[in-house]
Amino acid sequence: MSPMQLRTVRYDHPDARKLNDRVQLEYTERYGDPDLTEMDPAQFDPPNGLYLVAYDPDGTPLATGGWRAQERNHEGYEDGDAELKRMYVVPEARGRGLARRLLAALEESAREAKRIRMVLETGTKQPEAIALYTSCGYLPTAKFGLYRREPDSRCFAKPLTVSAGTPAPGRAVALGHPAGAGPAAVGNG
């Protein structure tokens, strides 16, 4: 496999928009509607977020994902949350471990930004996404966000901080290594 290149981009970058359009089509196919969660591109600007696009060596965008800072609010977020958004791998690039590598990079960025936990919302019609997240240490958590009252919604969380005496978490998969490849996440909202 050729090495993947991760690039930090704005949420409204043309390649990010192109991949977001594709994931929205997939949401519509699976759920009947696109994700209606409000997304302001500035929410993903460092240090309060990050948005990445994974490219093939030829410059083709293959995967995307980001996180944005959240604090306790009426939608069920907690102080110090880093909310994972728009994880997506194009169908023709799935099974290469791109989602795991992208997820590891996003977790590391949120950890460096002193976020306490990574949270995400996905749905029952995305079993491959649920399998990815649970295999990477995410556990079910109280529902939050726009779809918190929807029966198909599933929310997961993973601690990003390390308590005293606990070994620091390593990256699940090194960015240039395809190990751990499984079905790539179709995404989360």
C-alpha atoms as a PDB file:
ATOM      1  CA  MET A   1       0.000   0.000   0.000  1.00  0.00           C
ATOM      2  CA  SER A   2       1.245   3.476  -0.815  1.00  0.00           C
ATOM      3  CA  PRO A   3       1.670   5.825   2.118  1.00  0.00           C
ATOM      4  CA  MET A   4      -1.280   7.988   2.935  1.00  0.00           C
ATOM      5  CA  GLN A   5      -0.730  11.674   3.540  1.00  0.00           C
ATOM      6  CA  LEU A   6      -2.817  13.465   6.160  1.00  0.00           C
ATOM      7  CA  ARG A   7      -3.330  17.173   5.602  1.00  0.00           C
ATOM      8  CA  THR A   8      -4.889  19.654   7.968  1.00  0.00           C
ATOM      9  CA  VAL A   9      -7.546  21.613   6.085  1.00  0.00           C
ATOM     10  CA  ARG A  10     -10.463  23.834   6.972  1.00  0.00           C
ATOM     11  CA  TYR A  11     -13.837  22.168   7.210  1.00  0.00           C
ATOM     12  CA  ASP A  12     -14.928  24.217   4.187  1.00  0.00           C
ATOM     13  CA  HIS A  13     -11.883  23.282   2.033  1.00  0.00           C
ATOM     14  CA  PRO A  14     -13.011  22.061  -1.435  1.00  0.00           C
ATOM     15  CA  ASP A  15     -11.768  18.481  -0.818  1.00  0.00           C
ATOM     16  CA  ALA A  16     -13.450  18.381   2.592  1.00  0.00           C
ATOM     17  CA  ARG A  17     -16.696  19.637   1.041  1.00  0.00           C
ATOM     18  CA  LYS A  18     -16.467  17.005  -1.694  1.00  0.00           C
ATOM     19  CA  LEU A  19     -16.063  14.186   0.832  1.00  0.00           C
ATOM     20  CA  ASN A  20     -18.748  15.670   3.099  1.00  0.00           C
ATOM     21  CA  ASP A  21     -21.150  15.652   0.154  1.00  0.00           C
ATOM     22  CA  ARG A  22     -20.394  11.963  -0.347  1.00  0.00           C
ATOM     23  CA  VAL A  23     -20.963  11.066   3.304  1.00  0.00           C
ATOM     24  CA  GLN A  24     -24.224  13.024   3.297  1.00  0.00           C
ATOM     25  CA  LEU A  25     -25.395  10.946   0.321  1.00  0.00           C
ATOM     26  CA  GLU A  26     -24.516   7.800   2.242  1.00  0.00           C
ATOM     27  CA  TYR A  27     -26.457   9.035   5.297  1.00  0.00           C
ATOM     28  CA  THR A  28     -29.446   9.678   3.035  1.00  0.00           C
ATOM     29  CA  GLU A  29     -29.201   6.165   1.575  1.00  0.00           C
ATOM     30  CA  ARG A  30     -29.000   4.591   5.026  1.00  0.00           C
ATOM     31  CA  TYR A  31     -31.342   6.811   7.063  1.00  0.00           C
ATOM     32  CA  GLY A  32     -33.484   8.640   4.513  1.00  0.00           C
ATOM     33  CA  ASP A  33     -32.034  12.070   5.347  1.00  0.00           C
ATOM     34  CA  PRO A  34     -28.646  13.795   5.538  1.00  0.00           C
ATOM     35  CA  ASP A  35     -27.155  14.765   8.906  1.00  0.00           C
ATOM     36  CA  LEU A  36     -28.673  18.093   9.914  1.00  0.00           C
ATOM     37  CA  THR A  37     -26.194  18.887  12.693  1.00  0.00           C
ATOM     38  CA  GLU A  38     -25.051  22.506  12.423  1.00  0.00           C
ATOM     39  CA  MET A  39     -21.381  22.755  11.541  1.00  0.00           C
ATOM     40  CA  ASP A  40     -19.422  26.007  11.534  1.00  0.00           C
ATOM     41  CA  PRO A  41     -16.040  25.620   9.792  1.00  0.00           C
ATOM     42  CA  ALA A  42     -14.406  27.758  12.500  1.00  0.00           C
ATOM     43  CA  GLN A  43     -15.294  25.113  15.115  1.00  0.00           C
ATOM     44  CA  PHE A  44     -12.622  22.855  13.600  1.00  0.00           C
ATOM     45  CA  ASP A  45      -9.847  25.444  13.633  1.00  0.00           C
ATOM     46  CA  PRO A  46      -6.957  24.679  16.005  1.00  0.00           C
ATOM     47  CA  PRO A  47      -6.588  24.773  18.939  1.00  0.00           C
ATOM     48  CA  ASN A  48     -10.305  24.081  19.483  1.00  0.00           C
ATOM     49  CA  GLY A  49     -10.559  21.470  16.772  1.00  0.00           C
ATOM     50  CA  LEU A  50      -8.901  19.908  13.775  1.00  0.00           C
ATOM     51  CA  TYR A  51     -10.033  18.738  10.367  1.00  0.00           C
ATOM     52  CA  LEU A  52      -8.019  16.257   8.317  1.00  0.00           C
ATOM     53  CA  VAL A  53      -8.213  14.879   4.801  1.00  0.00           C
ATOM     54  CA  ALA A  54      -6.280  11.746   3.868  1.00  0.00           C
ATOM     55  CA  TYR A  55      -4.807  11.712   0.374  1.00  0.00           C
ATOM     56  CA  ASP A  56      -3.294   9.072  -1.853  1.00  0.00           C
ATOM     57  CA  PRO A  57       0.215   9.941  -3.119  1.00  0.00           C
ATOM     58  CA  ASP A  58      -1.410  11.133  -6.361  1.00  0.00           C
ATOM     59  CA  GLY A  59      -3.411  13.743  -4.429  1.00  0.00           C
ATOM     60  CA  THR A  60      -6.799  12.013  -4.516  1.00  0.00           C
ATOM     61  CA  PRO A  61      -8.790  12.700  -1.314  1.00  0.00           C
ATOM     62  CA  LEU A  62      -9.804   9.360   0.240  1.00  0.00           C
ATOM     63  CA  ALA A  63     -10.930   9.993   3.787  1.00  0.00           C
ATOM     64  CA  THR A  64     -11.910  12.772   6.110  1.00  0.00           C
ATOM     65  CA  GLY A  65     -12.620  13.444   9.745  1.00  0.00           C
ATOM     66  CA  GLY A  66     -12.361  16.063  12.411  1.00  0.00           C
ATOM     67  CA  TRP A  67     -13.031  16.990  15.980  1.00  0.00           C
ATOM     68  CA  ARG A  68     -14.416  20.090  17.617  1.00  0.00           C
ATOM     69  CA  ALA A  69     -14.319  21.163  21.261  1.00  0.00           C
ATOM     70  CA  GLN A  70     -17.507  20.874  23.266  1.00  0.00           C
ATOM     71  CA  GLU A  71     -18.370  21.898  26.804  1.00  0.00           C
ATOM     72  CA  ARG A  72     -21.282  20.998  29.072  1.00  0.00           C
ATOM     73  CA  ASN A  73     -24.539  22.166  27.526  1.00  0.00           C
ATOM     74  CA  HIS A  74     -28.225  21.363  27.079  1.00  0.00           C
ATOM     75  CA  GLU A  75     -27.452  18.796  24.333  1.00  0.00           C
ATOM     76  CA  GLY A  76     -25.649  16.490  26.763  1.00  0.00           C
ATOM     77  CA  TYR A  77     -21.984  17.293  26.149  1.00  0.00           C
ATOM     78  CA  GLU A  78     -19.535  17.429  29.062  1.00  0.00           C
ATOM     79  CA  ASP A  79     -16.734  19.859  29.813  1.00  0.00           C
ATOM     80  CA  GLY A  80     -13.592  18.876  27.928  1.00  0.00           C
ATOM     81  CA  ASP A  81     -15.293  16.837  25.209  1.00  0.00           C
ATOM     82  CA  ALA A  82     -13.767  16.559  21.750  1.00  0.00           C
ATOM     83  CA  GLU A  83     -16.579  15.613  19.385  1.00  0.00           C
ATOM     84  CA  LEU A  84     -15.602  13.455  16.425  1.00  0.00           C
ATOM     85  CA  LYS A  85     -17.374  14.514  13.224  1.00  0.00           C
ATOM     86  CA  ARG A  86     -17.567  13.491   9.578  1.00  0.00           C
ATOM     87  CA  MET A  87     -15.368  10.410   9.705  1.00  0.00           C
ATOM     88  CA  TYR A  88     -15.661   8.997   6.217  1.00  0.00           C
ATOM     89  CA  VAL A  89     -13.687   6.798   3.841  1.00  0.00           C
ATOM     90  CA  VAL A  90     -14.673   6.599   0.179  1.00  0.00           C
ATOM     91  CA  PRO A  91     -16.014   3.120  -0.675  1.00  0.00           C
ATOM     92  CA  GLU A  92     -13.194   2.367  -3.109  1.00  0.00           C
ATOM     93  CA  ALA A  93     -10.574   2.902  -0.333  1.00  0.00           C
ATOM     94  CA  ARG A  94     -12.233   0.961   2.486  1.00  0.00           C
ATOM     95  CA  GLY A  95     -10.482  -1.955   4.112  1.00  0.00           C
ATOM     96  CA  ARG A  96      -7.021  -0.305   4.041  1.00  0.00           C
ATOM     97  CA  GLY A  97      -6.968   0.873   7.643  1.00  0.00           C
ATOM     98  CA  LEU A  98      -7.426   4.537   6.710  1.00  0.00           C
ATOM     99  CA  ALA A  99     -10.182   5.130   9.263  1.00  0.00           C
ATOM    100  CA  ARG A 100      -8.068   3.707  12.096  1.00  0.00           C
ATOM    101  CA  ARG A 101      -5.098   5.862  11.163  1.00  0.00           C
ATOM    102  CA  LEU A 102      -7.233   8.961  10.801  1.00  0.00           C
ATOM    103  CA  LEU A 103      -8.934   8.253  14.133  1.00  0.00           C
ATOM    104  CA  ALA A 104      -5.565   7.805  15.889  1.00  0.00           C
ATOM    105  CA  ALA A 105      -4.328  11.148  14.523  1.00  0.00           C
ATOM    106  CA  LEU A 106      -7.511  12.929  15.609  1.00  0.00           C
ATOM    107  CA  GLU A 107      -7.316  11.410  19.098  1.00  0.00           C
ATOM    108  CA  GLU A 108      -3.688  12.490  19.439  1.00  0.00           C
ATOM    109  CA  SER A 109      -4.548  16.035  18.353  1.00  0.00           C
ATOM    110  CA  ALA A 110      -7.426  16.254  20.850  1.00  0.00           C
ATOM    111  CA  ARG A 111      -5.180  14.853  23.585  1.00  0.00           C
ATOM    112  CA  GLU A 112      -2.524  17.477  22.794  1.00  0.00           C
ATOM    113  CA  ALA A 113      -5.257  20.137  23.002  1.00  0.00           C
ATOM    114  CA  LYS A 114      -5.945  18.923  26.567  1.00  0.00           C
ATOM    115  CA  ARG A 115      -9.388  17.559  25.746  1.00  0.00           C
ATOM    116  CA  ILE A 116     -10.597  15.014  28.312  1.00  0.00           C
ATOM    117  CA  ARG A 117     -12.560  12.559  26.171  1.00  0.00           C
ATOM    118  CA  MET A 118     -13.440  11.923  22.550  1.00  0.00           C
ATOM    119  CA  VAL A 119     -17.161  11.482  21.912  1.00  0.00           C
ATOM    120  CA  LEU A 120     -19.070  10.525  18.800  1.00  0.00           C
ATOM    121  CA  GLU A 121     -22.568   9.817  17.588  1.00  0.00           C
ATOM    122  CA  THR A 122     -23.331   7.249  14.927  1.00  0.00           C
ATOM    123  CA  GLY A 123     -26.292   5.036  14.140  1.00  0.00           C
ATOM    124  CA  THR A 124     -27.447   1.455  14.067  1.00  0.00           C
ATOM    125  CA  LYS A 125     -27.430   1.475  10.260  1.00  0.00           C
ATOM    126  CA  GLN A 126     -23.647   1.943  10.334  1.00  0.00           C
ATOM    127  CA  PRO A 127     -22.502  -1.330  11.922  1.00  0.00           C
ATOM    128  CA  GLU A 128     -19.028  -1.041  10.431  1.00  0.00           C
ATOM    129  CA  ALA A 129     -18.552   2.331  12.145  1.00  0.00           C
ATOM    130  CA  ILE A 130     -19.714   0.903  15.474  1.00  0.00           C
ATOM    131  CA  ALA A 131     -17.320  -2.047  15.044  1.00  0.00           C
ATOM    132  CA  LEU A 132     -14.410   0.306  14.317  1.00  0.00           C
ATOM    133  CA  TYR A 133     -15.051   2.525  17.306  1.00  0.00           C
ATOM    134  CA  THR A 134     -15.606  -0.291  19.791  1.00  0.00           C
ATOM    135  CA  SER A 135     -12.457  -2.057  18.557  1.00  0.00           C
ATOM    136  CA  CYS A 136     -10.548   1.195  19.219  1.00  0.00           C
ATOM    137  CA  GLY A 137     -11.693   1.413  22.840  1.00  0.00           C
ATOM    138  CA  TYR A 138     -14.878   3.453  22.570  1.00  0.00           C
ATOM    139  CA  LEU A 139     -17.665   2.532  24.968  1.00  0.00           C
ATOM    140  CA  PRO A 140     -21.377   3.391  24.878  1.00  0.00           C
ATOM    141  CA  THR A 141     -22.170   6.635  26.685  1.00  0.00           C
ATOM    142  CA  ALA A 142     -25.198   8.789  27.452  1.00  0.00           C
ATOM    143  CA  LYS A 143     -26.682  10.200  24.271  1.00  0.00           C
ATOM    144  CA  PHE A 144     -25.872  13.772  23.284  1.00  0.00           C
ATOM    145  CA  GLY A 145     -26.260  16.075  20.305  1.00  0.00           C
ATOM    146  CA  LEU A 146     -29.006  16.701  17.804  1.00  0.00           C
ATOM    147  CA  TYR A 147     -30.009  13.040  17.463  1.00  0.00           C
ATOM    148  CA  ARG A 148     -29.937  12.150  21.175  1.00  0.00           C
ATOM    149  CA  ARG A 149     -33.648  11.309  21.176  1.00  0.00           C
ATOM    150  CA  GLU A 150     -33.553   9.176  18.015  1.00  0.00           C
ATOM    151  CA  PRO A 151     -33.879   5.413  18.594  1.00  0.00           C
ATOM    152  CA  ASP A 152     -31.258   4.564  15.919  1.00  0.00           C
ATOM    153  CA  SER A 153     -28.681   6.926  17.457  1.00  0.00           C
ATOM    154  CA  ARG A 154     -25.723   5.458  19.352  1.00  0.00           C
ATOM    155  CA  CYS A 155     -23.182   7.535  21.256  1.00  0.00           C
ATOM    156  CA  PHE A 156     -19.708   6.425  22.300  1.00  0.00           C
ATOM    157  CA  ALA A 157     -16.859   7.922  24.326  1.00  0.00           C
ATOM    158  CA  LYS A 158     -13.191   7.235  24.981  1.00  0.00           C
ATOM    159  CA  PRO A 159     -11.046   8.886  27.663  1.00  0.00           C
ATOM    160  CA  LEU A 160      -8.149  10.912  26.290  1.00  0.00           C
ATOM    161  CA  THR A 161      -6.459  11.704  29.574  1.00  0.00           C
ATOM    162  CA  VAL A 162      -4.230   9.436  31.591  1.00  0.00           C
ATOM    163  CA  SER A 163      -4.564   9.112  35.352  1.00  0.00           C
ATOM    164  CA  ALA A 164      -1.468   8.843  37.551  1.00  0.00           C
ATOM    165  CA  GLY A 165       0.103   5.407  37.431  1.00  0.00           C
ATOM    166  CA  THR A 166      -1.625   4.448  34.180  1.00  0.00           C
ATOM    167  CA  PRO A 167       0.559   3.873  31.137  1.00  0.00           C
ATOM    168  CA  ALA A 168       0.065   6.498  28.454  1.00  0.00           C
ATOM    169  CA  PRO A 169      -2.019   5.238  25.544  1.00  0.00           C
ATOM    170  CA  GLY A 170      -0.116   4.609  22.343  1.00  0.00           C
ATOM    171  CA  ARG A 171      -1.457   5.230  18.910  1.00  0.00           C
ATOM    172  CA  ALA A 172      -3.609   2.322  17.853  1.00  0.00           C
ATOM    173  CA  VAL A 173      -1.914   2.282  14.462  1.00  0.00           C
ATOM    174  CA  ALA A 174       1.041   4.288  13.241  1.00  0.00           C
ATOM    175  CA  LEU A 175       0.091   6.759  10.543  1.00  0.00           C
ATOM    176  CA  GLY A 176       2.133   5.071   7.835  1.00  0.00           C
ATOM    177  CA  HIS A 177       1.227   1.475   8.688  1.00  0.00           C
ATOM    178  CA  PRO A 178      -1.794  -0.454   7.374  1.00  0.00           C
ATOM    179  CA  ALA A 179      -2.000  -2.844  10.352  1.00  0.00           C
ATOM    180  CA  GLY A 180      -5.367  -3.047  12.008  1.00  0.00           C
ATOM    181  CA  ALA A 181      -7.125  -2.611   8.724  1.00  0.00           C
ATOM    182  CA  GLY A 182     -10.698  -3.669   8.855  1.00  0.00           C
ATOM    183  CA  PRO A 183     -13.895  -2.273   7.450  1.00  0.00           C
ATOM    184  CA  ALA A 184     -13.418   1.462   7.315  1.00  0.00           C
ATOM    185  CA  ALA A 185     -15.877   3.634   9.107  1.00  0.00           C
ATOM    186  CA  VAL A 186     -18.581   5.045   6.947  1.00  0.00           C
ATOM    187  CA  GLY A 187     -18.866   7.693   9.505  1.00  0.00           C
ATOM    188  CA  ASN A 188     -20.527   9.455  12.267  1.00  0.00           C
ATOM    189  CA  GLY A 189     -22.570  12.602  12.171  1.00  0.00           C
END
